Amino acid sequence: MSPSPSADRPPVPARPAYAERLDLPWWLWLTGLVAAALLAVEIWMGGSGVRAWLPFAVLLPVTAAGLWWLGRIRVAVVDSELRVDDARLPVRFVADVIPLDVAGRREVLGVGADPLAFVVQRPWIGGAVQVVLDDPADPTPFWVVSTRRPVELAEAVLAARDVRRPADRTAGEPG
């Protein structure tokens, strides 16, 4: 008997229930590149030879790479995990998810902020979610993650958690 054709294929990764990249808005790109160009002009100041083109050849690509790096963070809910860049939180440890507006984020991250909280915050993004944890082995009380769509992210995390919870309950019951 020959193996089925699907036995040779690698498993297909689950489609994200939520996915977002925390990239920079166009006006921050424009501001950063204009500032780099102005600095290159200041360094150049009418020089000749290498001094004429080197500031532009170095500063503009380095600035573009830095701006790309600032906007590289991805937030996703995949395979019953909340993924924020390379950090992963299994949804079974999520007690609650609270969508935050600008004022709510400022309150959570303000003067009385918990120093043990896991925070991925981007100042150019107004919204965020606070993910309250229920893991006695972890000293982290909650995560705060910037997002442009806080309500959608909160719903995706809670939906992934609620899908997982009935399976956890039945697995723990004696059979």
C-alpha atoms as a PDB file:
ATOM      1  CA  MET A   1       0.000   0.000   0.000  1.00  0.00           C
ATOM      2  CA  SER A   2       1.466   3.393  -0.960  1.00  0.00           C
ATOM      3  CA  PRO A   3       1.310   6.353   1.383  1.00  0.00           C
ATOM      4  CA  SER A   4      -1.313   8.961   0.710  1.00  0.00           C
ATOM      5  CA  PRO A   5      -0.130  12.076  -1.160  1.00  0.00           C
ATOM      6  CA  SER A   6      -0.905  14.254   1.871  1.00  0.00           C
ATOM      7  CA  ALA A   7       1.496  12.235   4.056  1.00  0.00           C
ATOM      8  CA  ASP A   8       4.482  13.705   2.191  1.00  0.00           C
ATOM      9  CA  ARG A   9       3.370  17.315   2.500  1.00  0.00           C
ATOM     10  CA  PRO A  10       4.452  19.431   5.438  1.00  0.00           C
ATOM     11  CA  PRO A  11       1.628  20.579   7.707  1.00  0.00           C
ATOM     12  CA  VAL A  12      -0.062  23.753   6.555  1.00  0.00           C
ATOM     13  CA  PRO A  13       0.306  26.555   9.092  1.00  0.00           C
ATOM     14  CA  ALA A  14      -2.944  27.828  10.520  1.00  0.00           C
ATOM     15  CA  ARG A  15      -4.349  31.002   9.054  1.00  0.00           C
ATOM     16  CA  PRO A  16      -4.087  33.894  11.504  1.00  0.00           C
ATOM     17  CA  ALA A  17      -7.311  34.891  13.232  1.00  0.00           C
ATOM     18  CA  TYR A  18      -5.784  38.361  13.461  1.00  0.00           C
ATOM     19  CA  ALA A  19      -2.653  39.841  11.898  1.00  0.00           C
ATOM     20  CA  GLU A  20      -1.230  43.344  11.865  1.00  0.00           C
ATOM     21  CA  ARG A  21       2.104  45.012  11.260  1.00  0.00           C
ATOM     22  CA  LEU A  22       2.877  48.045  13.408  1.00  0.00           C
ATOM     23  CA  ASP A  23       4.486  49.995  10.590  1.00  0.00           C
ATOM     24  CA  LEU A  24       5.138  53.717  10.525  1.00  0.00           C
ATOM     25  CA  PRO A  25       2.736  56.130   8.848  1.00  0.00           C
ATOM     26  CA  TRP A  26       3.857  57.798   5.626  1.00  0.00           C
ATOM     27  CA  TRP A  27       4.469  61.169   7.315  1.00  0.00           C
ATOM     28  CA  LEU A  28       7.069  59.665   9.683  1.00  0.00           C
ATOM     29  CA  TRP A  29       8.881  58.150   6.692  1.00  0.00           C
ATOM     30  CA  LEU A  30       8.830  61.528   4.959  1.00  0.00           C
ATOM     31  CA  THR A  31      10.021  63.374   8.079  1.00  0.00           C
ATOM     32  CA  GLY A  32      12.847  60.906   8.725  1.00  0.00           C
ATOM     33  CA  LEU A  33      14.132  60.908   5.148  1.00  0.00           C
ATOM     34  CA  VAL A  34      13.948  64.709   4.870  1.00  0.00           C
ATOM     35  CA  ALA A  35      15.876  65.046   8.147  1.00  0.00           C
ATOM     36  CA  ALA A  36      18.530  62.611   6.847  1.00  0.00           C
ATOM     37  CA  ALA A  37      18.785  64.528   3.572  1.00  0.00           C
ATOM     38  CA  LEU A  38      19.193  67.840   5.432  1.00  0.00           C
ATOM     39  CA  LEU A  39      21.928  66.325   7.592  1.00  0.00           C
ATOM     40  CA  ALA A  40      23.666  64.997   4.473  1.00  0.00           C
ATOM     41  CA  VAL A  41      23.500  68.476   2.913  1.00  0.00           C
ATOM     42  CA  GLU A  42      25.012  69.964   6.093  1.00  0.00           C
ATOM     43  CA  ILE A  43      27.875  67.472   5.971  1.00  0.00           C
ATOM     44  CA  TRP A  44      28.396  67.982   2.232  1.00  0.00           C
ATOM     45  CA  MET A  45      28.366  71.817   2.243  1.00  0.00           C
ATOM     46  CA  GLY A  46      29.850  72.112  -1.246  1.00  0.00           C
ATOM     47  CA  GLY A  47      32.608  69.563  -0.803  1.00  0.00           C
ATOM     48  CA  SER A  48      33.999  67.746  -3.802  1.00  0.00           C
ATOM     49  CA  GLY A  49      34.990  64.158  -4.522  1.00  0.00           C
ATOM     50  CA  VAL A  50      33.903  61.528  -1.985  1.00  0.00           C
ATOM     51  CA  ARG A  51      32.664  64.200   0.388  1.00  0.00           C
ATOM     52  CA  ALA A  52      30.067  65.220  -2.207  1.00  0.00           C
ATOM     53  CA  TRP A  53      28.188  61.917  -2.416  1.00  0.00           C
ATOM     54  CA  LEU A  54      29.189  59.883   0.667  1.00  0.00           C
ATOM     55  CA  PRO A  55      26.844  61.583   3.169  1.00  0.00           C
ATOM     56  CA  PHE A  56      23.851  60.896   0.899  1.00  0.00           C
ATOM     57  CA  ALA A  57      24.950  57.330   0.120  1.00  0.00           C
ATOM     58  CA  VAL A  58      25.278  56.533   3.827  1.00  0.00           C
ATOM     59  CA  LEU A  59      22.633  58.568   5.646  1.00  0.00           C
ATOM     60  CA  LEU A  60      19.625  57.957   3.408  1.00  0.00           C
ATOM     61  CA  PRO A  61      19.883  54.127   3.324  1.00  0.00           C
ATOM     62  CA  VAL A  62      20.737  53.959   7.043  1.00  0.00           C
ATOM     63  CA  THR A  63      17.718  56.145   7.836  1.00  0.00           C
ATOM     64  CA  ALA A  64      15.444  54.039   5.630  1.00  0.00           C
ATOM     65  CA  ALA A  65      16.694  50.861   7.333  1.00  0.00           C
ATOM     66  CA  GLY A  66      16.112  52.404  10.768  1.00  0.00           C
ATOM     67  CA  LEU A  67      12.579  53.465   9.859  1.00  0.00           C
ATOM     68  CA  TRP A  68      11.815  50.000   8.489  1.00  0.00           C
ATOM     69  CA  TRP A  69      13.218  48.451  11.698  1.00  0.00           C
ATOM     70  CA  LEU A  70      10.938  50.638  13.839  1.00  0.00           C
ATOM     71  CA  GLY A  71       7.902  49.354  11.926  1.00  0.00           C
ATOM     72  CA  ARG A  72       8.860  45.681  11.755  1.00  0.00           C
ATOM     73  CA  ILE A  73       6.772  44.452  14.724  1.00  0.00           C
ATOM     74  CA  ARG A  74       3.967  42.045  13.823  1.00  0.00           C
ATOM     75  CA  VAL A  75       1.005  41.218  16.051  1.00  0.00           C
ATOM     76  CA  ALA A  76      -0.993  38.064  15.313  1.00  0.00           C
ATOM     77  CA  VAL A  77      -3.287  35.478  16.855  1.00  0.00           C
ATOM     78  CA  VAL A  78      -2.253  32.130  15.361  1.00  0.00           C
ATOM     79  CA  ASP A  79      -2.353  28.507  16.560  1.00  0.00           C
ATOM     80  CA  SER A  80      -3.949  29.473  19.908  1.00  0.00           C
ATOM     81  CA  GLU A  81      -1.139  31.943  20.602  1.00  0.00           C
ATOM     82  CA  LEU A  82      -0.851  35.705  20.750  1.00  0.00           C
ATOM     83  CA  ARG A  83       2.341  36.546  18.873  1.00  0.00           C
ATOM     84  CA  VAL A  84       3.991  39.921  19.284  1.00  0.00           C
ATOM     85  CA  ASP A  85       7.232  40.042  17.312  1.00  0.00           C
ATOM     86  CA  ASP A  86       9.114  36.996  18.657  1.00  0.00           C
ATOM     87  CA  ALA A  87       7.183  36.797  21.964  1.00  0.00           C
ATOM     88  CA  ARG A  88       4.452  34.155  22.174  1.00  0.00           C
ATOM     89  CA  LEU A  89       1.653  33.901  24.699  1.00  0.00           C
ATOM     90  CA  PRO A  90      -0.502  30.762  24.733  1.00  0.00           C
ATOM     91  CA  VAL A  91      -4.125  31.913  24.994  1.00  0.00           C
ATOM     92  CA  ARG A  92      -4.826  29.405  27.778  1.00  0.00           C
ATOM     93  CA  PHE A  93      -3.055  31.846  30.140  1.00  0.00           C
ATOM     94  CA  VAL A  94      -5.277  34.792  29.156  1.00  0.00           C
ATOM     95  CA  ALA A  95      -7.764  35.835  31.843  1.00  0.00           C
ATOM     96  CA  ASP A  96      -9.136  38.886  30.019  1.00  0.00           C
ATOM     97  CA  VAL A  97      -8.345  41.302  27.188  1.00  0.00           C
ATOM     98  CA  ILE A  98      -9.192  44.981  27.515  1.00  0.00           C
ATOM     99  CA  PRO A  99      -9.166  47.253  24.436  1.00  0.00           C
ATOM    100  CA  LEU A 100      -7.569  50.614  25.254  1.00  0.00           C
ATOM    101  CA  ASP A 101      -7.898  53.983  23.605  1.00  0.00           C
ATOM    102  CA  VAL A 102      -5.220  56.685  23.906  1.00  0.00           C
ATOM    103  CA  ALA A 103      -6.360  57.750  27.395  1.00  0.00           C
ATOM    104  CA  GLY A 104      -6.614  54.153  28.608  1.00  0.00           C
ATOM    105  CA  ARG A 105      -3.154  53.318  27.314  1.00  0.00           C
ATOM    106  CA  ARG A 106      -1.740  56.418  29.001  1.00  0.00           C
ATOM    107  CA  GLU A 107      -3.350  55.362  32.290  1.00  0.00           C
ATOM    108  CA  VAL A 108      -2.034  51.775  32.117  1.00  0.00           C
ATOM    109  CA  LEU A 109       1.490  52.872  31.117  1.00  0.00           C
ATOM    110  CA  GLY A 110       1.584  56.048  33.191  1.00  0.00           C
ATOM    111  CA  VAL A 111       2.962  56.854  36.621  1.00  0.00           C
ATOM    112  CA  GLY A 112       1.433  53.828  38.338  1.00  0.00           C
ATOM    113  CA  ALA A 113       2.520  51.331  35.670  1.00  0.00           C
ATOM    114  CA  ASP A 114       3.519  47.852  36.778  1.00  0.00           C
ATOM    115  CA  PRO A 115       7.263  47.346  36.130  1.00  0.00           C
ATOM    116  CA  LEU A 116       6.741  43.624  35.543  1.00  0.00           C
ATOM    117  CA  ALA A 117       4.321  44.156  32.647  1.00  0.00           C
ATOM    118  CA  PHE A 118       5.357  43.121  29.134  1.00  0.00           C
ATOM    119  CA  VAL A 119       4.974  46.210  26.925  1.00  0.00           C
ATOM    120  CA  VAL A 120       5.268  46.623  23.162  1.00  0.00           C
ATOM    121  CA  GLN A 121       4.228  50.209  22.626  1.00  0.00           C
ATOM    122  CA  ARG A 122       4.504  52.332  19.519  1.00  0.00           C
ATOM    123  CA  PRO A 123       3.837  56.045  20.144  1.00  0.00           C
ATOM    124  CA  TRP A 124       2.485  56.650  16.628  1.00  0.00           C
ATOM    125  CA  ILE A 125      -0.316  54.121  17.244  1.00  0.00           C
ATOM    126  CA  GLY A 126      -3.096  55.371  19.502  1.00  0.00           C
ATOM    127  CA  GLY A 127      -4.826  52.146  20.479  1.00  0.00           C
ATOM    128  CA  ALA A 128      -3.642  49.168  22.479  1.00  0.00           C
ATOM    129  CA  VAL A 129      -4.875  46.108  24.311  1.00  0.00           C
ATOM    130  CA  GLN A 130      -4.164  45.037  27.865  1.00  0.00           C
ATOM    131  CA  VAL A 131      -3.968  41.253  28.094  1.00  0.00           C
ATOM    132  CA  VAL A 132      -4.468  40.202  31.724  1.00  0.00           C
ATOM    133  CA  LEU A 133      -2.684  36.935  32.507  1.00  0.00           C
ATOM    134  CA  ASP A 134      -3.713  34.014  34.691  1.00  0.00           C
ATOM    135  CA  ASP A 135      -0.475  32.063  35.124  1.00  0.00           C
ATOM    136  CA  PRO A 136       0.719  31.509  38.716  1.00  0.00           C
ATOM    137  CA  ALA A 137       4.196  30.530  37.475  1.00  0.00           C
ATOM    138  CA  ASP A 138       4.703  33.820  35.599  1.00  0.00           C
ATOM    139  CA  PRO A 139       5.359  37.072  37.500  1.00  0.00           C
ATOM    140  CA  THR A 140       4.158  39.120  34.493  1.00  0.00           C
ATOM    141  CA  PRO A 141       0.710  40.469  35.437  1.00  0.00           C
ATOM    142  CA  PHE A 142      -0.311  41.612  31.950  1.00  0.00           C
ATOM    143  CA  TRP A 143       0.812  42.510  28.448  1.00  0.00           C
ATOM    144  CA  VAL A 144       0.185  45.889  26.815  1.00  0.00           C
ATOM    145  CA  VAL A 145       0.428  45.769  23.029  1.00  0.00           C
ATOM    146  CA  SER A 146      -0.107  48.650  20.592  1.00  0.00           C
ATOM    147  CA  THR A 147      -2.618  48.016  17.831  1.00  0.00           C
ATOM    148  CA  ARG A 148      -4.594  50.073  15.354  1.00  0.00           C
ATOM    149  CA  ARG A 149      -7.635  47.820  15.884  1.00  0.00           C
ATOM    150  CA  PRO A 150      -7.852  47.116  19.643  1.00  0.00           C
ATOM    151  CA  VAL A 151     -11.412  45.754  19.643  1.00  0.00           C
ATOM    152  CA  GLU A 152     -10.675  43.292  16.813  1.00  0.00           C
ATOM    153  CA  LEU A 153      -7.479  42.051  18.489  1.00  0.00           C
ATOM    154  CA  ALA A 154      -9.264  41.630  21.830  1.00  0.00           C
ATOM    155  CA  GLU A 155     -12.061  39.666  20.169  1.00  0.00           C
ATOM    156  CA  ALA A 156      -9.582  37.438  18.308  1.00  0.00           C
ATOM    157  CA  VAL A 157      -7.624  36.599  21.478  1.00  0.00           C
ATOM    158  CA  LEU A 158     -10.789  35.905  23.483  1.00  0.00           C
ATOM    159  CA  ALA A 159     -12.242  33.799  20.655  1.00  0.00           C
ATOM    160  CA  ALA A 160      -9.033  31.735  20.435  1.00  0.00           C
ATOM    161  CA  ARG A 161      -9.071  31.305  24.223  1.00  0.00           C
ATOM    162  CA  ASP A 162     -12.741  30.278  24.276  1.00  0.00           C
ATOM    163  CA  VAL A 163     -12.216  27.756  21.481  1.00  0.00           C
ATOM    164  CA  ARG A 164      -9.345  26.231  23.426  1.00  0.00           C
ATOM    165  CA  ARG A 165     -11.022  26.160  26.869  1.00  0.00           C
ATOM    166  CA  PRO A 166     -13.719  23.527  26.144  1.00  0.00           C
ATOM    167  CA  ALA A 167     -10.994  21.211  24.818  1.00  0.00           C
ATOM    168  CA  ASP A 168      -8.980  21.781  28.015  1.00  0.00           C
ATOM    169  CA  ARG A 169     -11.985  20.950  30.191  1.00  0.00           C
ATOM    170  CA  THR A 170     -12.809  17.726  28.364  1.00  0.00           C
ATOM    171  CA  ALA A 171      -9.166  16.628  28.363  1.00  0.00           C
ATOM    172  CA  GLY A 172      -9.029  16.950  32.157  1.00  0.00           C
ATOM    173  CA  GLU A 173     -12.230  14.989  32.796  1.00  0.00           C
ATOM    174  CA  PRO A 174     -11.912  11.299  33.693  1.00  0.00           C
ATOM    175  CA  GLY A 175     -12.983   9.063  30.880  1.00  0.00           C
END
